Amino acid sequence: MTVSANVVAALPQYELGAEVGRGGMGVVYAAVHRPLGRAVAVKRLPGVLASDERMSARFAHEARLLARLDHPHIVPVYDYVQDRGEHLLVMEKLDGGTVWSRFTGSGVTPASSCAIGLAMLSGLHAAHGAGVLHLDVKPKNLLFTSGGVLKVADFGISQVVSEGATLVTHGGQVLGTPAYLSPEQALGNPLSPAADVYGAATVLYELLSGRLPFDSGGGALAMIQRHVHQQPRPLTEVPSPLAQVIMRGLERDPRARYRNAETFAVDLAGAAAELFGRDWLLRLGAPVHLSPHVAAAGNRSAPGPSGPRESLDLPVRATLVDTPATPPVRLGAQTLVPAAQVLAAPGPARWFALAAGLAAAVMIALPFAAPTRDLPILDADLSKPVAVGQGDPATARLAVTAAGITLADVPAASPPADAPAASPLTFELPGASRWIVGGAAVATVTADGRSTAHLLRPTTHPMISIMGAGSAVLLLFALAYLESVVRSLRRRQAGTGAVVVAGPLGFALGVAGWLLPSVLLRHPPDLWLALVCGGLGAAAAVCTAVATRRGARGVVDRLG
């Protein structure tokens, strides 16, 4: 891939070569420093650094710390350039390959794995002492010089870009390497050297067994979730003294792990000496820089190997395909969210789903099963005066109500002069009332001090009314918006606010689900039934939203 013109312009003293590496934390190019003729590696960091002044300042500070790190097992940083919107780290170029390339090629013996572990922990401990966490410890970040010295690369980049939390996109891309992340890093909790201890223990587990501590299926977020909520598989491929050391480094609770990388290295050196003999590093010929405490731990162990040498000297190769490096995330074009939002322990979503289904079933059945009022039926064409009841027209009134709401309250019309004395009273409804009433309503005639209720049923089709058509529109509106809320929750594009919004939408759905059957069945709508169905609808909607949100947190395999 062609080097960006901005990168070339930002590094006038360097001759840029081919791309030699790529990952979620940046792209690496081979280069040569022209004045010194020194081969270097240039890491181009994610573009988000250029668009965020606060993050850019943080990385500049981190780069100064990295430049001060001087340790045999840390890749030295020669320069940090911030120019033309680019953030570039210039580092030592190592030609001996990575631990991963060796692991998937010729393989590594348990003794070699322990030597790699001691060198890795030595570099990590030195960085921690300078206030720098790595947070992306993995075999591909462990490089060899041409002389076989192991060095740890890429300190601090993950910490700055993700600001202490693992970030993912709504599409499921993970900024970092999910197979080696500590639980507290995945959840965005406060970080300490114990986070790198966890990553180092994961690397050692993999090198010693040929597999990862957790299943790697289901995608990146599924793997992270296992680190957060599950116990790792026991390490059965090596004797107990060594396995116990590695498993302690994999404790989910940071307080149960080794407090720092050196205490981990002390126990690792002791277990390795117990298995391979005190002079195992000398016989192996591995160039490892040991602190006095770690060296002393190896000398205190048994003088000879306590395990079967024929099995401990066999090379181990990766039996699983390496977790694919996530493609560089185009941070400017995608929304990033903390992984903690999608990794919280999934609650009993099935109970919320069951409650939602039960509430919806009762809501649907209630309008059909509820008893209706036994009233005399009055079929009438509302576009004409309604004839009903007997009495004095001067005092008579007709009130039309539905669900406790008065739709019309009109006096009786004056009868014609030639009308018979026993003629029924007539009432002319206002124009709006004629179109509101659909299905049935309660018509109460008050005359001569007596009130008589009737079931008023328009002769037109029930749906040719505001009650009929309006209930259908309200039902479709509520369903559409609820579906949108549920879809957003399923895609993790909404949070608690969407669950709250589901309540009134569900109430509207319940009211519409009550009114429409009442209109079609020509039942007089009752207020108590409207409130009950509205409450059931709200409960069903909220439970559905909660179940969807919790279920989406548990179903992470599609996001990997």
Protein backbone atom coordinates (compact mmCIF):
# COMPACT_ATOMS: atom_id res chain seq x y z
CA MET A 1 0.00 0.00 0.00
CA THR A 2 1.30 3.46 -0.92
CA VAL A 3 2.46 5.62 1.96
CA SER A 4 0.32 8.71 2.52
CA ALA A 5 1.82 11.93 1.20
CA ASN A 6 1.18 13.53 4.59
CA VAL A 7 3.27 10.84 6.30
CA VAL A 8 6.14 11.37 3.85
CA ALA A 9 5.98 15.13 4.33
CA ALA A 10 5.89 14.80 8.12
CA LEU A 11 9.08 12.72 8.15
CA PRO A 12 11.54 14.48 5.81
CA GLN A 13 14.57 12.78 7.40
CA TYR A 14 13.22 9.30 6.84
CA GLU A 15 12.93 7.22 3.72
CA LEU A 16 9.61 5.42 3.98
CA GLY A 17 9.34 1.85 2.75
CA ALA A 18 6.63 -0.76 2.50
CA GLU A 19 3.84 -1.44 4.97
CA VAL A 20 4.94 -4.22 7.32
CA GLY A 21 1.99 -4.43 9.71
CA ARG A 22 -1.57 -3.31 10.26
CA GLY A 23 -4.04 -3.54 13.11
CA GLY A 24 -6.76 -1.75 15.03
CA MET A 25 -4.18 0.55 16.64
CA GLY A 26 -2.47 1.74 13.48
CA VAL A 27 -0.31 0.91 10.46
CA VAL A 28 3.45 0.16 10.56
CA TYR A 29 5.89 1.07 7.78
CA ALA A 30 9.54 0.15 7.35
CA ALA A 31 11.80 3.19 7.09
CA VAL A 32 15.41 4.32 7.22
CA HIS A 33 16.72 7.37 9.05
CA ARG A 34 18.81 8.99 6.30
CA PRO A 35 21.45 10.84 8.40
CA LEU A 36 22.24 7.78 10.55
CA GLY A 37 21.35 5.02 8.09
CA ARG A 38 19.41 3.35 10.87
CA ALA A 39 16.53 1.02 10.02
CA VAL A 40 13.39 1.97 11.93
CA ALA A 41 9.70 1.17 12.06
CA VAL A 42 7.17 4.00 11.77
CA LYS A 43 3.77 3.51 13.35
CA ARG A 44 0.98 5.69 12.01
CA LEU A 45 -1.59 6.05 14.77
CA PRO A 46 -5.39 6.22 14.29
CA GLY A 47 -6.70 9.42 12.79
CA VAL A 48 -8.98 10.07 15.77
CA LEU A 49 -5.94 11.54 17.53
CA ALA A 50 -5.85 14.42 15.07
CA SER A 51 -9.51 15.32 15.58
CA ASP A 52 -9.48 15.31 19.38
CA GLU A 53 -7.20 17.90 20.97
CA ARG A 54 -7.50 16.38 24.43
CA MET A 55 -6.61 12.91 23.17
CA SER A 56 -3.78 14.32 21.09
CA ALA A 57 -2.31 16.01 24.15
CA ARG A 58 -2.63 12.82 26.14
CA PHE A 59 -0.76 10.84 23.53
CA ALA A 60 1.98 13.43 23.28
CA HIS A 61 2.46 13.02 27.03
CA GLU A 62 2.38 9.22 26.69
CA ALA A 63 4.90 9.35 23.86
CA ARG A 64 7.33 11.31 26.04
CA LEU A 65 7.00 8.62 28.70
CA LEU A 66 7.61 5.90 26.10
CA ALA A 67 10.71 7.68 24.83
CA ARG A 68 12.17 7.59 28.35
CA LEU A 69 11.73 3.82 28.68
CA ASP A 70 15.13 2.18 28.43
CA HIS A 71 15.00 -1.54 29.05
CA PRO A 72 16.43 -4.61 27.28
CA HIS A 73 12.95 -6.06 26.76
CA ILE A 74 11.13 -2.93 25.52
CA VAL A 75 11.20 -1.70 21.93
CA PRO A 76 12.79 1.77 22.17
CA VAL A 77 10.94 4.78 20.80
CA TYR A 78 13.29 7.11 18.90
CA ASP A 79 10.90 9.88 17.91
CA TYR A 80 7.31 11.10 18.02
CA VAL A 81 6.10 13.37 15.24
CA GLN A 82 2.81 15.26 15.24
CA ASP A 83 2.42 17.11 11.96
CA ARG A 84 -0.06 17.58 9.10
CA GLY A 85 -2.77 15.76 11.02
CA GLU A 86 -0.54 12.71 11.47
CA HIS A 87 0.66 11.12 14.71
CA LEU A 88 3.74 8.99 14.08
CA LEU A 89 5.90 6.90 16.41
CA VAL A 90 9.40 6.05 15.20
CA MET A 91 10.71 2.88 16.83
CA GLU A 92 13.48 0.33 16.57
CA LYS A 93 12.91 -2.08 13.68
CA LEU A 94 13.17 -5.71 14.75
CA ASP A 95 13.83 -8.41 12.16
CA GLY A 96 13.52 -11.58 14.24
CA GLY A 97 9.78 -12.03 13.78
CA THR A 98 7.11 -12.15 16.46
CA VAL A 99 6.21 -14.68 19.10
CA TRP A 100 3.08 -15.39 17.09
CA SER A 101 5.01 -16.18 13.90
CA ARG A 102 7.27 -18.54 15.84
CA PHE A 103 4.33 -20.08 17.68
CA THR A 104 2.47 -20.85 14.45
CA GLY A 105 5.65 -21.92 12.65
CA SER A 106 8.18 -24.15 14.36
CA GLY A 107 6.37 -23.95 17.70
CA VAL A 108 7.73 -23.20 21.17
CA THR A 109 8.61 -25.62 23.95
CA PRO A 110 7.27 -25.09 27.48
CA ALA A 111 10.75 -23.98 28.56
CA SER A 112 10.91 -21.46 25.70
CA SER A 113 7.44 -20.23 26.62
CA CYS A 114 8.54 -19.61 30.19
CA ALA A 115 11.61 -17.72 28.94
CA ILE A 116 9.37 -15.59 26.72
CA GLY A 117 7.12 -15.00 29.72
CA LEU A 118 10.00 -13.85 31.93
CA ALA A 119 11.28 -11.43 29.28
CA MET A 120 7.75 -10.11 28.67
CA LEU A 121 7.08 -9.61 32.39
CA SER A 122 10.46 -7.93 32.84
CA GLY A 123 9.62 -5.35 30.18
CA LEU A 124 6.10 -4.84 31.52
CA HIS A 125 7.34 -4.30 35.06
CA ALA A 126 9.82 -1.66 33.90
CA ALA A 127 7.08 0.17 32.01
CA HIS A 128 4.73 0.01 34.97
CA GLY A 129 7.43 1.54 37.13
CA ALA A 130 7.50 4.49 34.71
CA GLY A 131 3.71 4.87 34.88
CA VAL A 132 2.91 3.28 31.50
CA LEU A 133 0.40 0.46 31.02
CA HIS A 134 0.42 -1.63 27.87
CA LEU A 135 -3.20 -2.89 27.70
CA ASP A 136 -2.71 -4.80 24.45
CA VAL A 137 -0.34 -7.62 25.43
CA LYS A 138 -0.48 -10.37 22.79
CA PRO A 139 1.95 -12.59 20.85
CA LYS A 140 2.01 -10.20 17.88
CA ASN A 141 3.27 -7.39 20.11
CA LEU A 142 6.20 -9.49 21.34
CA LEU A 143 9.04 -9.12 18.82
CA PHE A 144 12.50 -10.69 18.52
CA THR A 145 15.70 -9.02 17.50
CA SER A 146 17.91 -10.83 14.99
CA GLY A 147 19.87 -12.05 18.03
CA GLY A 148 16.81 -13.59 19.66
CA VAL A 149 16.17 -10.96 22.35
CA LEU A 150 12.47 -10.53 23.02
CA LYS A 151 11.09 -6.99 23.21
CA VAL A 152 7.60 -5.73 23.99
CA ALA A 153 6.14 -3.21 21.54
CA ASP A 154 3.17 -0.82 21.38
CA PHE A 155 3.03 0.43 24.96
CA GLY A 156 0.30 2.86 25.85
CA ILE A 157 -1.44 3.16 22.47
CA SER A 158 -4.58 1.28 23.49
CA GLN A 159 -4.85 3.21 26.73
CA VAL A 160 -4.83 6.59 25.00
CA VAL A 161 -7.08 5.77 22.06
CA SER A 162 -9.74 4.06 24.15
CA GLU A 163 -9.25 6.31 27.21
CA GLY A 164 -9.14 3.39 29.61
CA ALA A 165 -12.12 1.53 28.18
CA THR A 166 -12.46 -0.97 25.39
CA LEU A 167 -14.43 0.67 22.59
CA VAL A 168 -16.64 -1.00 20.02
CA THR A 169 -18.72 0.24 17.13
CA HIS A 170 -22.39 -0.50 16.67
CA GLY A 171 -21.24 -2.86 13.93
CA GLY A 172 -19.28 -4.84 16.49
CA GLN A 173 -15.71 -3.88 15.61
CA VAL A 174 -13.46 -3.91 18.66
CA LEU A 175 -10.70 -1.39 19.20
CA GLY A 176 -8.09 -3.73 20.66
CA THR A 177 -7.49 -7.47 20.78
CA PRO A 178 -10.40 -9.21 22.51
CA ALA A 179 -8.64 -12.53 23.18
CA TYR A 180 -6.24 -10.98 25.72
CA LEU A 181 -8.29 -8.21 27.36
CA SER A 182 -8.71 -8.25 31.12
CA PRO A 183 -12.28 -8.13 32.48
CA GLU A 184 -11.76 -4.72 34.08
CA GLN A 185 -10.44 -3.28 30.82
CA ALA A 186 -13.42 -4.63 28.89
CA LEU A 187 -15.81 -3.03 31.36
CA GLY A 188 -14.01 0.30 31.46
CA ASN A 189 -13.14 -0.02 35.14
CA PRO A 190 -10.05 1.57 36.73
CA LEU A 191 -6.88 -0.08 35.41
CA SER A 192 -3.66 -1.10 37.09
CA PRO A 193 -0.66 -3.30 36.28
CA ALA A 194 -2.97 -6.25 37.02
CA ALA A 195 -4.59 -5.67 33.62
CA ASP A 196 -1.26 -6.38 31.88
CA VAL A 197 -0.69 -9.34 34.23
CA TYR A 198 -3.93 -10.80 32.88
CA GLY A 199 -2.83 -10.28 29.27
CA ALA A 200 0.59 -11.83 29.98
CA ALA A 201 -1.03 -14.83 31.68
CA THR A 202 -3.30 -15.31 28.67
CA VAL A 203 -0.29 -15.28 26.34
CA LEU A 204 1.53 -17.85 28.50
CA TYR A 205 -1.57 -20.05 28.72
CA GLU A 206 -1.79 -20.04 24.93
CA LEU A 207 1.90 -20.75 24.39
CA LEU A 208 1.87 -23.64 26.86
CA SER A 209 -1.34 -25.28 25.68
CA GLY A 210 -1.74 -24.28 22.05
CA ARG A 211 -5.17 -22.79 22.77
CA LEU A 212 -6.77 -19.81 24.46
CA PRO A 213 -8.28 -19.98 27.96
CA PHE A 214 -11.76 -19.43 26.50
CA ASP A 215 -13.58 -20.60 23.40
CA SER A 216 -12.90 -18.26 20.50
CA GLY A 217 -16.18 -18.78 18.63
CA GLY A 218 -18.97 -16.27 18.33
CA GLY A 219 -17.01 -13.18 17.43
CA ALA A 220 -15.02 -10.55 19.26
CA LEU A 221 -17.64 -9.36 21.73
CA ALA A 222 -18.65 -12.91 22.59
CA MET A 223 -15.02 -13.62 23.46
CA ILE A 224 -14.77 -10.51 25.62
CA GLN A 225 -17.97 -11.46 27.40
CA ARG A 226 -16.47 -14.84 28.33
CA HIS A 227 -13.50 -13.08 29.90
CA VAL A 228 -15.90 -10.96 31.95
CA HIS A 229 -18.40 -13.60 33.07
CA GLN A 230 -16.79 -17.06 32.81
CA GLN A 231 -13.93 -18.95 34.41
CA PRO A 232 -11.05 -20.01 32.10
CA ARG A 233 -10.61 -23.64 31.25
CA PRO A 234 -8.06 -25.40 33.48
CA LEU A 235 -4.52 -25.56 32.11
CA THR A 236 -3.96 -29.33 31.98
CA GLU A 237 -1.12 -29.48 29.46
CA VAL A 238 1.64 -28.66 31.98
CA PRO A 239 2.40 -29.87 35.53
CA SER A 240 0.55 -28.34 38.44
CA PRO A 241 3.27 -25.96 39.75
CA LEU A 242 3.38 -24.08 36.46
CA ALA A 243 -0.36 -24.33 35.79
CA GLN A 244 -1.20 -22.81 39.18
CA VAL A 245 0.99 -19.78 38.47
CA ILE A 246 -0.67 -19.14 35.10
CA MET A 247 -4.19 -19.63 36.44
CA ARG A 248 -3.58 -17.14 39.24
CA GLY A 249 -2.65 -14.58 36.61
CA LEU A 250 -6.03 -15.25 34.94
CA GLU A 251 -8.20 -14.52 37.96
CA ARG A 252 -11.16 -12.35 37.00
CA ASP A 253 -10.82 -10.24 40.14
CA PRO A 254 -7.70 -8.04 39.84
CA ARG A 255 -7.19 -8.28 43.60
CA ALA A 256 -6.80 -12.07 43.32
CA ARG A 257 -4.10 -11.81 40.64
CA TYR A 258 -0.44 -11.01 41.10
CA ARG A 259 -0.15 -7.40 42.25
CA ASN A 260 2.43 -6.62 39.58
CA ALA A 261 4.42 -8.18 36.77
CA GLU A 262 7.49 -8.88 38.92
CA THR A 263 5.64 -10.94 41.53
CA PHE A 264 4.20 -12.93 38.62
CA ALA A 265 7.71 -13.40 37.23
CA VAL A 266 9.04 -14.53 40.63
CA ASP A 267 6.53 -17.39 40.82
CA LEU A 268 6.97 -18.20 37.14
CA ALA A 269 10.76 -18.46 37.53
CA GLY A 270 10.35 -20.66 40.58
CA ALA A 271 7.89 -23.02 38.86
CA ALA A 272 10.06 -23.21 35.73
CA ALA A 273 13.18 -24.02 37.77
CA GLU A 274 11.25 -26.70 39.63
CA LEU A 275 10.22 -28.31 36.35
CA PHE A 276 13.31 -27.81 34.19
CA GLY A 277 16.15 -27.46 36.74
CA ARG A 278 17.98 -24.38 38.04
CA ASP A 279 20.12 -23.99 34.94
CA TRP A 280 17.24 -24.24 32.48
CA LEU A 281 17.73 -20.71 31.09
CA LEU A 282 21.45 -21.32 30.65
CA ARG A 283 20.83 -24.59 28.81
CA LEU A 284 18.11 -22.95 26.73
CA GLY A 285 20.44 -20.12 25.72
CA ALA A 286 17.63 -17.58 25.93
CA PRO A 287 18.85 -13.99 26.48
CA VAL A 288 16.59 -12.89 29.34
CA HIS A 289 17.26 -9.97 31.67
CA LEU A 290 16.19 -10.98 35.20
CA SER A 291 15.85 -8.73 38.20
CA PRO A 292 17.59 -9.93 41.38
CA HIS A 293 14.28 -11.04 42.92
CA VAL A 294 13.34 -13.15 39.90
CA ALA A 295 16.82 -14.66 39.59
CA ALA A 296 16.82 -15.54 43.29
CA ALA A 297 13.44 -17.25 42.98
CA GLY A 298 14.84 -19.58 40.33
CA ASN A 299 17.85 -20.46 42.46
CA ARG A 300 15.69 -21.40 45.45
CA SER A 301 13.92 -24.14 43.50
CA ALA A 302 14.72 -27.79 43.20
CA PRO A 303 18.05 -28.58 41.48
CA GLY A 304 16.56 -30.91 38.89
CA PRO A 305 13.42 -31.19 36.80
CA SER A 306 10.39 -32.68 38.54
CA GLY A 307 8.39 -33.37 35.40
CA PRO A 308 8.85 -35.75 32.46
CA ARG A 309 11.49 -34.11 30.26
CA GLU A 310 10.34 -35.89 27.12
CA SER A 311 6.98 -34.11 27.27
CA LEU A 312 8.25 -30.74 28.47
CA ASP A 313 10.72 -30.42 25.59
CA LEU A 314 8.16 -30.99 22.84
CA PRO A 315 7.32 -27.85 20.88
CA VAL A 316 3.77 -26.53 21.18
CA ARG A 317 2.07 -25.02 18.16
CA ALA A 318 -1.16 -23.05 17.98
CA THR A 319 -4.09 -25.40 17.56
CA LEU A 320 -6.51 -22.52 16.98
CA VAL A 321 -6.42 -19.90 14.31
CA ASP A 322 -5.34 -16.60 15.79
CA THR A 323 -8.18 -14.26 16.50
CA PRO A 324 -8.29 -12.08 13.40
CA ALA A 325 -6.96 -8.61 14.01
CA THR A 326 -9.83 -6.20 13.80
CA PRO A 327 -9.59 -3.99 10.73
CA PRO A 328 -8.64 -0.39 11.44
CA VAL A 329 -11.75 1.32 12.72
CA ARG A 330 -12.57 4.52 10.89
CA LEU A 331 -13.35 6.37 14.05
CA GLY A 332 -14.47 9.53 12.31
CA ALA A 333 -17.27 7.74 10.47
CA GLN A 334 -18.51 5.38 13.16
CA THR A 335 -20.05 5.75 16.56
CA LEU A 336 -17.96 4.18 19.31
CA VAL A 337 -19.48 3.01 22.57
CA PRO A 338 -17.86 1.47 25.64
CA ALA A 339 -17.91 -2.30 25.56
CA ALA A 340 -19.35 -2.16 29.07
CA GLN A 341 -22.66 -1.12 27.53
CA VAL A 342 -22.89 -4.42 25.67
CA LEU A 343 -21.16 -6.65 28.19
CA ALA A 344 -23.14 -6.12 31.36
CA ALA A 345 -24.35 -9.42 32.74
CA PRO A 346 -27.52 -10.35 30.83
CA GLY A 347 -30.44 -10.43 33.26
CA PRO A 348 -33.38 -12.81 33.09
CA ALA A 349 -34.62 -11.48 29.75
CA ARG A 350 -36.86 -14.52 29.33
CA TRP A 351 -38.95 -13.48 32.34
CA PHE A 352 -39.51 -10.03 30.91
CA ALA A 353 -40.40 -11.59 27.55
CA LEU A 354 -42.85 -13.93 29.27
CA ALA A 355 -44.42 -11.03 31.17
CA ALA A 356 -44.70 -9.04 27.95
CA GLY A 357 -46.41 -11.92 26.17
CA LEU A 358 -48.83 -12.50 29.03
CA ALA A 359 -49.77 -8.81 29.27
CA ALA A 360 -50.25 -8.58 25.51
CA ALA A 361 -52.43 -11.71 25.46
CA VAL A 362 -54.71 -10.39 28.21
CA MET A 363 -54.83 -6.97 26.51
CA ILE A 364 -55.98 -8.54 23.24
CA ALA A 365 -58.51 -10.90 24.82
CA LEU A 366 -60.09 -8.47 27.27
CA PRO A 367 -62.15 -6.38 24.79
CA PHE A 368 -63.69 -9.58 23.44
CA ALA A 369 -64.31 -11.22 26.82
CA ALA A 370 -65.49 -8.22 28.85
CA PRO A 371 -69.26 -8.19 29.60
CA THR A 372 -71.35 -5.54 27.86
CA ARG A 373 -74.17 -3.47 29.33
CA ASP A 374 -77.64 -4.87 28.71
CA LEU A 375 -79.39 -1.85 27.22
CA PRO A 376 -82.21 -1.41 24.72
CA ILE A 377 -80.71 -1.01 21.25
CA LEU A 378 -81.32 2.13 19.28
CA ASP A 379 -80.23 1.88 15.62
CA ALA A 380 -80.23 5.32 14.07
CA ASP A 381 -79.01 7.28 11.09
CA LEU A 382 -77.09 10.04 12.85
CA SER A 383 -77.27 12.30 9.82
CA LYS A 384 -80.98 12.72 10.63
CA PRO A 385 -82.75 13.61 13.86
CA VAL A 386 -82.78 10.73 16.33
CA ALA A 387 -86.20 9.71 17.57
CA VAL A 388 -86.18 8.20 21.06
CA GLY A 389 -88.11 8.45 24.32
CA GLN A 390 -91.31 10.15 25.45
CA GLY A 391 -91.96 13.27 27.49
CA ASP A 392 -92.09 17.03 27.51
CA PRO A 393 -89.85 18.36 24.70
CA ALA A 394 -89.31 21.59 26.60
CA THR A 395 -87.30 19.85 29.34
CA ALA A 396 -86.03 16.74 27.55
CA ARG A 397 -82.30 16.31 26.75
CA LEU A 398 -80.18 13.64 25.07
CA ALA A 399 -76.60 12.92 26.26
CA VAL A 400 -74.36 10.68 24.16
CA THR A 401 -71.29 9.31 26.01
CA ALA A 402 -68.46 6.90 25.24
CA ALA A 403 -65.92 5.78 27.87
CA GLY A 404 -67.24 8.44 30.22
CA ILE A 405 -66.65 11.23 27.66
CA THR A 406 -69.69 13.26 26.64
CA LEU A 407 -69.84 13.46 22.88
CA ALA A 408 -73.12 15.35 22.65
CA ASP A 409 -75.65 16.90 25.03
CA VAL A 410 -78.58 18.41 23.13
CA PRO A 411 -82.16 19.44 23.93
CA ALA A 412 -85.14 17.90 22.22
CA ALA A 413 -86.32 19.52 19.03
CA SER A 414 -89.70 21.22 19.08
CA PRO A 415 -92.33 18.90 17.55
CA PRO A 416 -94.40 20.03 14.57
CA ALA A 417 -97.73 21.60 15.44
CA ASP A 418 -99.64 18.72 13.88
CA ALA A 419 -97.57 16.00 15.58
CA PRO A 420 -99.53 13.40 17.60
CA ALA A 421 -99.29 13.73 21.38
CA ALA A 422 -97.63 10.31 21.72
CA SER A 423 -94.86 11.07 19.20
CA PRO A 424 -91.32 10.19 20.31
CA LEU A 425 -88.89 12.92 21.17
CA THR A 426 -86.43 13.92 18.46
CA PHE A 427 -82.86 15.10 18.93
CA GLU A 428 -80.49 16.49 16.31
CA LEU A 429 -76.82 15.73 17.06
CA PRO A 430 -74.12 18.30 16.24
CA GLY A 431 -72.22 17.70 13.03
CA ALA A 432 -69.00 16.59 14.76
CA SER A 433 -70.80 14.09 16.99
CA ARG A 434 -72.35 12.38 13.99
CA TRP A 435 -68.85 11.43 12.77
CA ILE A 436 -67.29 10.69 16.14
CA VAL A 437 -69.63 7.92 17.21
CA GLY A 438 -68.63 4.56 15.77
CA GLY A 439 -69.90 1.12 16.66
CA ALA A 440 -71.95 2.05 19.72
CA ALA A 441 -72.36 4.69 22.38
CA VAL A 442 -74.62 5.19 25.38
CA ALA A 443 -77.53 7.56 24.70
CA THR A 444 -79.31 8.75 27.85
CA VAL A 445 -82.67 10.49 27.47
CA THR A 446 -83.78 12.67 30.36
CA ALA A 447 -87.43 13.78 30.31
CA ASP A 448 -90.02 14.54 32.96
CA GLY A 449 -87.44 13.86 35.69
CA ARG A 450 -86.67 10.33 34.45
CA SER A 451 -83.54 9.08 32.67
CA THR A 452 -83.45 6.15 30.28
CA ALA A 453 -80.25 4.75 28.74
CA HIS A 454 -80.06 3.21 25.26
CA LEU A 455 -77.35 1.59 23.19
CA LEU A 456 -77.01 3.98 20.26
CA ARG A 457 -75.69 2.23 17.16
CA PRO A 458 -75.17 4.23 13.94
CA THR A 459 -76.50 2.51 10.85
CA THR A 460 -73.31 3.37 8.90
CA HIS A 461 -70.25 1.09 8.91
CA PRO A 462 -68.34 1.35 12.21
CA MET A 463 -65.08 2.27 10.48
CA ILE A 464 -66.69 5.30 8.84
CA SER A 465 -66.25 7.25 12.06
CA ILE A 466 -63.56 9.03 14.00
CA MET A 467 -63.69 6.33 16.68
CA GLY A 468 -63.20 3.54 14.13
CA ALA A 469 -60.66 5.12 11.79
CA GLY A 470 -58.87 6.93 14.65
CA SER A 471 -58.39 3.75 16.67
CA ALA A 472 -56.91 2.03 13.61
CA VAL A 473 -54.51 4.91 12.95
CA LEU A 474 -53.49 5.06 16.63
CA LEU A 475 -52.89 1.32 16.63
CA LEU A 476 -50.64 1.48 13.57
CA PHE A 477 -48.81 4.56 14.90
CA ALA A 478 -48.07 2.92 18.25
CA LEU A 479 -46.98 -0.35 16.63
CA ALA A 480 -44.65 1.44 14.20
CA TYR A 481 -42.95 3.51 16.88
CA LEU A 482 -42.66 0.56 19.25
CA GLU A 483 -41.05 -1.48 16.50
CA SER A 484 -38.59 1.36 15.93
CA VAL A 485 -37.76 1.48 19.66
CA VAL A 486 -37.25 -2.29 19.82
CA ARG A 487 -35.07 -2.23 16.70
CA SER A 488 -32.90 0.51 18.20
CA LEU A 489 -32.52 -1.46 21.43
CA ARG A 490 -31.65 -4.61 19.53
CA ARG A 491 -28.95 -2.75 17.62
CA ARG A 492 -27.73 -1.06 20.83
CA GLN A 493 -28.47 2.37 19.40
CA ALA A 494 -30.65 3.35 22.36
CA GLY A 495 -30.56 2.96 26.11
CA THR A 496 -32.75 3.52 29.15
CA GLY A 497 -34.53 6.44 27.52
CA ALA A 498 -35.99 4.12 24.89
CA VAL A 499 -37.36 1.83 27.60
CA VAL A 500 -39.07 4.84 29.22
CA VAL A 501 -40.54 5.96 25.88
CA ALA A 502 -41.94 2.46 25.36
CA GLY A 503 -44.35 3.04 28.30
CA PRO A 504 -46.60 5.74 26.79
CA LEU A 505 -46.39 4.11 23.38
CA GLY A 506 -47.60 0.86 24.93
CA PHE A 507 -50.41 2.68 26.70
CA ALA A 508 -51.53 4.15 23.38
CA LEU A 509 -51.32 0.69 21.83
CA GLY A 510 -53.47 -0.77 24.61
CA VAL A 511 -56.10 1.96 24.28
CA ALA A 512 -56.22 1.50 20.50
CA GLY A 513 -56.34 -2.27 20.95
CA TRP A 514 -59.34 -1.81 23.20
CA LEU A 515 -61.20 0.79 21.12
CA LEU A 516 -60.92 -0.86 17.71
CA PRO A 517 -62.52 -4.20 18.73
CA SER A 518 -65.17 -2.31 20.71
CA VAL A 519 -66.08 -0.33 17.60
CA LEU A 520 -66.13 -3.37 15.33
CA LEU A 521 -68.15 -5.45 17.81
CA ARG A 522 -70.50 -2.50 18.46
CA HIS A 523 -69.85 -2.65 22.18
CA PRO A 524 -70.26 0.54 24.21
CA PRO A 525 -66.72 1.55 25.23
CA ASP A 526 -66.16 1.63 29.00
CA LEU A 527 -63.55 3.82 30.70
CA TRP A 528 -62.36 1.14 33.14
CA LEU A 529 -61.66 -1.21 30.26
CA ALA A 530 -59.70 1.51 28.44
CA LEU A 531 -57.50 2.10 31.49
CA VAL A 532 -56.93 -1.60 32.07
CA CYS A 533 -56.01 -2.27 28.44
CA GLY A 534 -53.79 0.83 28.36
CA GLY A 535 -51.98 -0.35 31.50
CA LEU A 536 -51.53 -3.82 30.06
CA GLY A 537 -50.20 -2.32 26.84
CA ALA A 538 -47.70 -0.17 28.74
CA ALA A 539 -46.55 -3.16 30.77
CA ALA A 540 -46.17 -5.30 27.65
CA ALA A 541 -44.19 -2.59 25.84
CA VAL A 542 -41.84 -1.87 28.74
CA CYS A 543 -41.22 -5.58 29.37
CA THR A 544 -40.55 -6.10 25.67
CA ALA A 545 -38.08 -3.21 25.65
CA VAL A 546 -36.27 -4.50 28.75
CA ALA A 547 -36.16 -8.05 27.38
CA THR A 548 -34.83 -6.81 24.05
CA ARG A 549 -32.17 -4.67 25.72
CA ARG A 550 -30.99 -7.45 28.00
CA GLY A 551 -31.23 -10.06 25.30
CA ALA A 552 -29.18 -7.90 22.93
CA ARG A 553 -26.45 -7.71 25.56
CA GLY A 554 -26.33 -11.48 25.76
CA VAL A 555 -26.51 -12.16 22.03
CA VAL A 556 -23.18 -10.68 20.98
CA ASP A 557 -22.06 -13.21 18.41
CA ARG A 558 -23.60 -11.28 15.53
CA LEU A 559 -21.57 -8.22 16.53
CA GLY A 560 -18.18 -9.90 16.29
